[in-house]
Amino acid sequence: MIDTYNALLKQLQEKSEAELKPEKKIEEKKNREVVEVAETLSSEGVISEIGRLKLEIGEKLTHISDGLEEEVSKFNQIQKAIEIKDEELKEFKDWATDAPGDNFERVFDKWKERCTNPNDIKEMKEFIKKNFPGWEIPEDK
């Protein structure tokens, strides 16, 4: 009789499992997995993982720091090179301080020779006076 009872109980359990909805089975499986993961965690495991993460973060920060030092060194070298070139070119800066004005005068004279509209010439003179106050406007020859 006990055997019959156990057999019927087993049949009922199988029938009940077969009738469970798929969502219920999925939810039960997720719950089992969560419980299994939680059971495997221990305070020692957590502390060990925190230690590993601290070490990994420290290594990455050291790598970043080294890279930053290297870039700062490159920047300083570039700055020094600019200072050296600036000093080398200093003597040439004073050679042709009036060259832009002289060149402008020649270009302006050539443009006026070809320009047929007096209003354009007048507008150009006004533009030069407004935007380049130190430049002298060549008078008509």
N, C-alpha and C. Protein backbone atom coordinates (compact mmCIF):
# COMPACT_ATOMS: atom_id res chain seq x y z
N MET A 1 0.81 -1.17 0.00
CA MET A 1 0.00 0.00 0.00
C MET A 1 0.87 1.27 0.00
N ILE A 2 1.96 1.24 0.71
CA ILE A 2 2.86 2.40 0.73
C ILE A 2 3.47 2.58 -0.65
N ASP A 3 3.77 1.49 -1.29
CA ASP A 3 4.33 1.59 -2.65
C ASP A 3 3.33 2.24 -3.59
N THR A 4 2.08 1.85 -3.44
CA THR A 4 1.03 2.43 -4.29
C THR A 4 0.91 3.91 -3.98
N TYR A 5 0.96 4.26 -2.70
CA TYR A 5 0.86 5.66 -2.30
C TYR A 5 2.01 6.47 -2.90
N ASN A 6 3.22 5.98 -2.79
CA ASN A 6 4.40 6.66 -3.33
C ASN A 6 4.30 6.80 -4.84
N ALA A 7 3.80 5.78 -5.50
CA ALA A 7 3.64 5.83 -6.95
C ALA A 7 2.63 6.90 -7.34
N LEU A 8 1.51 6.95 -6.61
CA LEU A 8 0.50 7.98 -6.89
C LEU A 8 1.04 9.38 -6.59
N LEU A 9 1.78 9.52 -5.51
CA LEU A 9 2.37 10.80 -5.16
C LEU A 9 3.33 11.27 -6.25
N LYS A 10 4.12 10.35 -6.75
CA LYS A 10 5.07 10.68 -7.82
C LYS A 10 4.32 11.11 -9.08
N GLN A 11 3.24 10.39 -9.40
CA GLN A 11 2.44 10.73 -10.58
C GLN A 11 1.83 12.13 -10.42
N LEU A 12 1.34 12.44 -9.23
CA LEU A 12 0.75 13.75 -8.98
C LEU A 12 1.80 14.86 -9.11
N GLN A 13 2.99 14.64 -8.62
CA GLN A 13 4.06 15.62 -8.72
C GLN A 13 4.45 15.86 -10.18
N GLU A 14 4.55 14.78 -10.93
CA GLU A 14 4.88 14.89 -12.35
C GLU A 14 3.81 15.65 -13.11
N LYS A 15 2.53 15.33 -12.76
CA LYS A 15 1.41 16.00 -13.41
C LYS A 15 1.42 17.48 -13.04
N SER A 16 1.69 17.78 -11.79
CA SER A 16 1.71 19.17 -11.34
C SER A 16 2.83 19.94 -12.03
N GLU A 17 3.99 19.34 -12.19
CA GLU A 17 5.11 19.98 -12.89
C GLU A 17 4.79 20.22 -14.35
N ALA A 18 4.12 19.27 -14.97
CA ALA A 18 3.76 19.40 -16.37
C ALA A 18 2.75 20.52 -16.57
N GLU A 19 1.93 20.75 -15.57
CA GLU A 19 0.90 21.78 -15.68
C GLU A 19 1.43 23.19 -15.37
N LEU A 20 2.61 23.31 -14.77
CA LEU A 20 3.17 24.63 -14.47
C LEU A 20 3.37 25.42 -15.76
N LYS A 21 3.08 26.66 -15.68
CA LYS A 21 3.22 27.52 -16.85
C LYS A 21 4.71 27.76 -17.12
N PRO A 22 5.08 27.99 -18.39
CA PRO A 22 6.50 28.23 -18.71
C PRO A 22 7.08 29.43 -17.95
N GLU A 23 6.27 30.47 -17.75
CA GLU A 23 6.75 31.63 -17.02
C GLU A 23 7.13 31.26 -15.60
N LYS A 24 6.32 30.41 -15.01
CA LYS A 24 6.56 29.97 -13.64
C LYS A 24 7.86 29.17 -13.57
N LYS A 25 8.08 28.30 -14.57
CA LYS A 25 9.31 27.51 -14.60
C LYS A 25 10.53 28.41 -14.75
N ILE A 26 10.41 29.41 -15.62
CA ILE A 26 11.53 30.33 -15.84
C ILE A 26 11.82 31.10 -14.56
N GLU A 27 10.78 31.56 -13.90
CA GLU A 27 10.94 32.32 -12.67
C GLU A 27 11.59 31.45 -11.58
N GLU A 28 11.14 30.21 -11.49
CA GLU A 28 11.72 29.31 -10.49
C GLU A 28 13.19 29.05 -10.79
N LYS A 29 13.53 28.91 -12.07
CA LYS A 29 14.92 28.67 -12.45
C LYS A 29 15.79 29.87 -12.09
N LYS A 30 15.30 31.08 -12.37
CA LYS A 30 16.04 32.29 -12.03
C LYS A 30 16.25 32.38 -10.52
N ASN A 31 15.18 32.08 -9.78
CA ASN A 31 15.28 32.12 -8.33
C ASN A 31 16.32 31.14 -7.82
N ARG A 32 16.33 29.95 -8.39
CA ARG A 32 17.33 28.94 -7.98
C ARG A 32 18.74 29.44 -8.27
N GLU A 33 18.93 30.05 -9.46
CA GLU A 33 20.26 30.54 -9.83
C GLU A 33 20.71 31.66 -8.89
N VAL A 34 19.80 32.56 -8.54
CA VAL A 34 20.13 33.66 -7.63
C VAL A 34 20.54 33.12 -6.28
N VAL A 35 19.79 32.15 -5.79
CA VAL A 35 20.09 31.55 -4.49
C VAL A 35 21.45 30.85 -4.55
N GLU A 36 21.73 30.14 -5.64
CA GLU A 36 23.01 29.45 -5.78
C GLU A 36 24.17 30.44 -5.75
N VAL A 37 24.02 31.55 -6.48
CA VAL A 37 25.08 32.56 -6.51
C VAL A 37 25.27 33.15 -5.12
N ALA A 38 24.18 33.47 -4.46
CA ALA A 38 24.25 34.05 -3.12
C ALA A 38 24.92 33.09 -2.14
N GLU A 39 24.64 31.80 -2.29
CA GLU A 39 25.23 30.81 -1.39
C GLU A 39 26.73 30.68 -1.61
N THR A 40 27.18 30.90 -2.86
CA THR A 40 28.61 30.75 -3.14
C THR A 40 29.41 31.95 -2.65
N LEU A 41 28.72 33.08 -2.44
CA LEU A 41 29.44 34.26 -1.96
C LEU A 41 29.69 34.11 -0.47
N SER A 42 30.89 34.46 -0.11
CA SER A 42 31.23 34.47 1.30
C SER A 42 31.93 35.79 1.59
N SER A 43 32.02 36.13 2.83
CA SER A 43 32.68 37.41 3.16
C SER A 43 34.15 37.37 2.73
N GLU A 44 34.77 36.20 2.82
CA GLU A 44 36.16 36.08 2.39
C GLU A 44 36.27 36.27 0.89
N GLY A 45 35.32 35.71 0.15
CA GLY A 45 35.33 35.87 -1.31
C GLY A 45 35.13 37.32 -1.72
N VAL A 46 34.23 37.99 -1.03
CA VAL A 46 33.98 39.40 -1.33
C VAL A 46 35.22 40.22 -1.03
N ILE A 47 35.82 40.00 0.13
CA ILE A 47 37.02 40.74 0.52
C ILE A 47 38.15 40.46 -0.47
N SER A 48 38.28 39.23 -0.89
CA SER A 48 39.30 38.87 -1.87
C SER A 48 39.06 39.59 -3.20
N GLU A 49 37.82 39.64 -3.64
CA GLU A 49 37.49 40.31 -4.91
C GLU A 49 37.74 41.80 -4.80
N ILE A 50 37.41 42.40 -3.65
CA ILE A 50 37.67 43.83 -3.45
C ILE A 50 39.17 44.09 -3.52
N GLY A 51 39.95 43.23 -2.92
CA GLY A 51 41.42 43.37 -2.97
C GLY A 51 41.94 43.29 -4.39
N ARG A 52 41.40 42.35 -5.15
CA ARG A 52 41.82 42.19 -6.55
C ARG A 52 41.47 43.44 -7.35
N LEU A 53 40.27 43.98 -7.12
CA LEU A 53 39.84 45.18 -7.84
C LEU A 53 40.72 46.39 -7.47
N LYS A 54 41.06 46.51 -6.18
CA LYS A 54 41.93 47.61 -5.74
C LYS A 54 43.28 47.52 -6.45
N LEU A 55 43.82 46.32 -6.53
CA LEU A 55 45.10 46.12 -7.20
C LEU A 55 45.00 46.48 -8.68
N GLU A 56 43.95 46.04 -9.32
CA GLU A 56 43.76 46.32 -10.75
C GLU A 56 43.61 47.83 -10.99
N ILE A 57 42.85 48.50 -10.14
CA ILE A 57 42.66 49.95 -10.27
C ILE A 57 43.99 50.67 -10.05
N GLY A 58 44.75 50.22 -9.07
CA GLY A 58 46.06 50.82 -8.79
C GLY A 58 46.99 50.70 -9.99
N GLU A 59 47.00 49.52 -10.62
CA GLU A 59 47.84 49.30 -11.80
C GLU A 59 47.43 50.23 -12.95
N LYS A 60 46.13 50.36 -13.15
CA LYS A 60 45.64 51.24 -14.22
C LYS A 60 45.99 52.69 -13.95
N LEU A 61 45.84 53.13 -12.69
CA LEU A 61 46.19 54.51 -12.34
C LEU A 61 47.69 54.77 -12.53
N THR A 62 48.50 53.80 -12.20
CA THR A 62 49.95 53.93 -12.40
C THR A 62 50.25 54.07 -13.89
N HIS A 63 49.60 53.25 -14.70
CA HIS A 63 49.80 53.31 -16.16
C HIS A 63 49.38 54.68 -16.70
N ILE A 64 48.25 55.19 -16.24
CA ILE A 64 47.77 56.50 -16.67
C ILE A 64 48.75 57.59 -16.23
N SER A 65 49.22 57.49 -15.00
CA SER A 65 50.16 58.47 -14.47
C SER A 65 51.45 58.48 -15.29
N ASP A 66 51.97 57.31 -15.62
CA ASP A 66 53.19 57.22 -16.43
C ASP A 66 52.96 57.86 -17.80
N GLY A 67 51.82 57.56 -18.41
CA GLY A 67 51.51 58.14 -19.71
C GLY A 67 51.39 59.65 -19.65
N LEU A 68 50.81 60.14 -18.57
CA LEU A 68 50.64 61.59 -18.40
C LEU A 68 52.01 62.25 -18.24
N GLU A 69 52.88 61.65 -17.47
CA GLU A 69 54.22 62.20 -17.30
C GLU A 69 54.95 62.27 -18.64
N GLU A 70 54.78 61.24 -19.44
CA GLU A 70 55.41 61.21 -20.76
C GLU A 70 54.89 62.33 -21.65
N GLU A 71 53.58 62.54 -21.63
CA GLU A 71 52.97 63.60 -22.45
C GLU A 71 53.40 64.98 -21.96
N VAL A 72 53.52 65.17 -20.65
CA VAL A 72 53.98 66.44 -20.11
C VAL A 72 55.42 66.70 -20.55
N SER A 73 56.22 65.67 -20.55
CA SER A 73 57.61 65.79 -21.00
C SER A 73 57.66 66.21 -22.47
N LYS A 74 56.84 65.59 -23.30
CA LYS A 74 56.78 65.96 -24.72
C LYS A 74 56.35 67.42 -24.87
N PHE A 75 55.34 67.82 -24.11
CA PHE A 75 54.84 69.19 -24.16
C PHE A 75 55.95 70.17 -23.80
N ASN A 76 56.70 69.87 -22.74
CA ASN A 76 57.79 70.76 -22.32
C ASN A 76 58.87 70.85 -23.40
N GLN A 77 59.16 69.74 -24.07
CA GLN A 77 60.15 69.76 -25.14
C GLN A 77 59.67 70.61 -26.31
N ILE A 78 58.39 70.51 -26.63
CA ILE A 78 57.83 71.31 -27.72
C ILE A 78 57.89 72.80 -27.35
N GLN A 79 57.53 73.11 -26.12
CA GLN A 79 57.60 74.51 -25.67
C GLN A 79 59.02 75.04 -25.78
N LYS A 80 59.99 74.25 -25.38
CA LYS A 80 61.39 74.67 -25.44
C LYS A 80 61.81 74.87 -26.90
N ALA A 81 61.37 73.97 -27.79
CA ALA A 81 61.71 74.10 -29.21
C ALA A 81 61.12 75.38 -29.78
N ILE A 82 59.90 75.72 -29.38
CA ILE A 82 59.26 76.95 -29.85
C ILE A 82 60.05 78.16 -29.37
N GLU A 83 60.47 78.14 -28.11
CA GLU A 83 61.26 79.25 -27.57
C GLU A 83 62.58 79.41 -28.33
N ILE A 84 63.22 78.28 -28.65
CA ILE A 84 64.49 78.33 -29.37
C ILE A 84 64.28 78.91 -30.77
N LYS A 85 63.25 78.43 -31.48
CA LYS A 85 62.98 78.93 -32.84
C LYS A 85 62.56 80.39 -32.80
N ASP A 86 61.80 80.76 -31.80
CA ASP A 86 61.37 82.16 -31.67
C ASP A 86 62.59 83.06 -31.49
N GLU A 87 63.53 82.61 -30.68
CA GLU A 87 64.76 83.38 -30.46
C GLU A 87 65.57 83.46 -31.75
N GLU A 88 65.64 82.35 -32.51
CA GLU A 88 66.37 82.34 -33.78
C GLU A 88 65.75 83.31 -34.79
N LEU A 89 64.44 83.40 -34.79
CA LEU A 89 63.74 84.23 -35.77
C LEU A 89 63.61 85.69 -35.34
N LYS A 90 63.99 85.98 -34.10
CA LYS A 90 63.82 87.33 -33.57
C LYS A 90 64.55 88.36 -34.43
N GLU A 91 65.74 88.02 -34.89
CA GLU A 91 66.51 88.98 -35.67
C GLU A 91 65.85 89.30 -37.01
N PHE A 92 65.07 88.37 -37.56
CA PHE A 92 64.43 88.59 -38.85
C PHE A 92 63.15 89.40 -38.74
N LYS A 93 62.57 89.45 -37.56
CA LYS A 93 61.29 90.13 -37.38
C LYS A 93 61.38 91.61 -37.71
N ASP A 94 62.51 92.24 -37.42
CA ASP A 94 62.65 93.68 -37.64
C ASP A 94 63.12 94.02 -39.05
N TRP A 95 63.45 93.07 -39.84
CA TRP A 95 63.99 93.33 -41.17
C TRP A 95 62.97 94.01 -42.09
N ALA A 96 61.75 93.56 -42.08
CA ALA A 96 60.79 94.05 -43.06
C ALA A 96 59.47 94.45 -42.39
N THR A 97 59.56 95.31 -41.40
CA THR A 97 58.34 95.70 -40.69
C THR A 97 57.40 96.51 -41.58
N ASP A 98 57.96 97.19 -42.58
CA ASP A 98 57.11 98.01 -43.45
C ASP A 98 56.68 97.26 -44.71
N ALA A 99 57.07 96.01 -44.86
CA ALA A 99 56.76 95.26 -46.08
C ALA A 99 55.26 95.12 -46.33
N PRO A 100 54.42 94.83 -45.34
CA PRO A 100 52.99 94.71 -45.64
C PRO A 100 52.40 95.99 -46.24
N GLY A 101 52.79 97.12 -45.70
CA GLY A 101 52.27 98.39 -46.22
C GLY A 101 52.77 98.67 -47.62
N ASP A 102 54.06 98.41 -47.87
CA ASP A 102 54.62 98.64 -49.20
C ASP A 102 53.96 97.74 -50.23
N ASN A 103 53.81 96.49 -49.88
CA ASN A 103 53.16 95.55 -50.80
C ASN A 103 51.71 95.95 -51.05
N PHE A 104 51.05 96.38 -50.00
CA PHE A 104 49.66 96.79 -50.15
C PHE A 104 49.56 97.96 -51.13
N GLU A 105 50.46 98.91 -50.98
CA GLU A 105 50.40 100.08 -51.85
C GLU A 105 50.52 99.68 -53.31
N ARG A 106 51.45 98.78 -53.63
CA ARG A 106 51.60 98.32 -55.02
C ARG A 106 50.34 97.61 -55.51
N VAL A 107 49.79 96.72 -54.68
CA VAL A 107 48.59 95.98 -55.07
C VAL A 107 47.41 96.94 -55.24
N PHE A 108 47.29 97.88 -54.33
CA PHE A 108 46.18 98.85 -54.40
C PHE A 108 46.28 99.70 -55.67
N ASP A 109 47.51 100.15 -55.99
CA ASP A 109 47.69 100.95 -57.21
C ASP A 109 47.31 100.15 -58.46
N LYS A 110 47.72 98.90 -58.53
CA LYS A 110 47.38 98.04 -59.69
C LYS A 110 45.87 97.85 -59.77
N TRP A 111 45.24 97.64 -58.62
CA TRP A 111 43.78 97.44 -58.61
C TRP A 111 43.06 98.70 -59.08
N LYS A 112 43.54 99.87 -58.62
CA LYS A 112 42.90 101.13 -59.02
C LYS A 112 43.03 101.37 -60.53
N GLU A 113 44.16 100.97 -61.12
CA GLU A 113 44.35 101.13 -62.56
C GLU A 113 43.29 100.38 -63.35
N ARG A 114 42.89 99.22 -62.84
CA ARG A 114 41.93 98.38 -63.56
C ARG A 114 40.49 98.63 -63.14
N CYS A 115 40.30 99.26 -61.99
CA CYS A 115 38.95 99.50 -61.48
C CYS A 115 38.33 100.67 -62.24
N THR A 116 37.13 100.46 -62.75
CA THR A 116 36.47 101.51 -63.53
C THR A 116 35.37 102.21 -62.74
N ASN A 117 35.02 101.71 -61.60
CA ASN A 117 33.93 102.27 -60.81
C ASN A 117 34.49 103.11 -59.67
N PRO A 118 34.28 104.42 -59.69
CA PRO A 118 34.81 105.30 -58.62
C PRO A 118 34.22 104.97 -57.25
N ASN A 119 32.98 104.48 -57.23
CA ASN A 119 32.38 104.11 -55.94
C ASN A 119 33.12 102.95 -55.29
N ASP A 120 33.59 102.01 -56.11
CA ASP A 120 34.37 100.88 -55.56
C ASP A 120 35.66 101.39 -54.92
N ILE A 121 36.31 102.33 -55.59
CA ILE A 121 37.56 102.88 -55.05
C ILE A 121 37.27 103.60 -53.73
N LYS A 122 36.21 104.38 -53.71
CA LYS A 122 35.83 105.10 -52.49
C LYS A 122 35.54 104.13 -51.36
N GLU A 123 34.78 103.06 -51.63
CA GLU A 123 34.46 102.06 -50.60
C GLU A 123 35.73 101.38 -50.09
N MET A 124 36.66 101.11 -51.02
CA MET A 124 37.91 100.45 -50.61
C MET A 124 38.70 101.37 -49.69
N LYS A 125 38.77 102.63 -50.00
CA LYS A 125 39.50 103.59 -49.16
C LYS A 125 38.87 103.67 -47.76
N GLU A 126 37.54 103.69 -47.71
CA GLU A 126 36.85 103.73 -46.42
C GLU A 126 37.13 102.45 -45.62
N PHE A 127 37.12 101.32 -46.31
CA PHE A 127 37.40 100.04 -45.66
C PHE A 127 38.81 100.04 -45.06
N ILE A 128 39.77 100.55 -45.83
CA ILE A 128 41.17 100.58 -45.36
C ILE A 128 41.31 101.50 -44.15
N LYS A 129 40.70 102.68 -44.22
CA LYS A 129 40.77 103.61 -43.09
C LYS A 129 40.19 102.99 -41.83
N LYS A 130 39.07 102.28 -42.00
CA LYS A 130 38.39 101.69 -40.84
C LYS A 130 39.16 100.50 -40.26
N ASN A 131 39.65 99.62 -41.11
CA ASN A 131 40.24 98.35 -40.65
C ASN A 131 41.75 98.36 -40.49
N PHE A 132 42.43 99.31 -41.15
CA PHE A 132 43.89 99.38 -41.07
C PHE A 132 44.31 100.83 -40.82
N PRO A 133 44.06 101.33 -39.62
CA PRO A 133 44.27 102.75 -39.35
C PRO A 133 45.71 103.22 -39.52
N GLY A 134 46.68 102.35 -39.38
CA GLY A 134 48.08 102.76 -39.52
C GLY A 134 48.55 102.86 -40.97
N TRP A 135 47.80 102.36 -41.90
CA TRP A 135 48.22 102.34 -43.30
C TRP A 135 47.80 103.63 -43.98
N GLU A 136 48.72 104.11 -44.76
CA GLU A 136 48.40 105.32 -45.55
C GLU A 136 47.80 104.87 -46.88
N ILE A 137 46.76 105.57 -47.25
CA ILE A 137 46.11 105.25 -48.52
C ILE A 137 46.80 106.05 -49.61
N PRO A 138 47.30 105.36 -50.62
CA PRO A 138 48.00 106.07 -51.69
C PRO A 138 47.03 107.01 -52.40
N GLU A 139 47.49 108.21 -52.62
CA GLU A 139 46.67 109.18 -53.34
C GLU A 139 46.75 108.89 -54.83
N ASP A 140 45.75 109.37 -55.54
CA ASP A 140 45.72 109.18 -56.99
C ASP A 140 46.89 109.89 -57.62
N LYS A 141 47.50 109.22 -58.57
CA LYS A 141 48.69 109.79 -59.23
C LYS A 141 48.31 110.48 -60.50
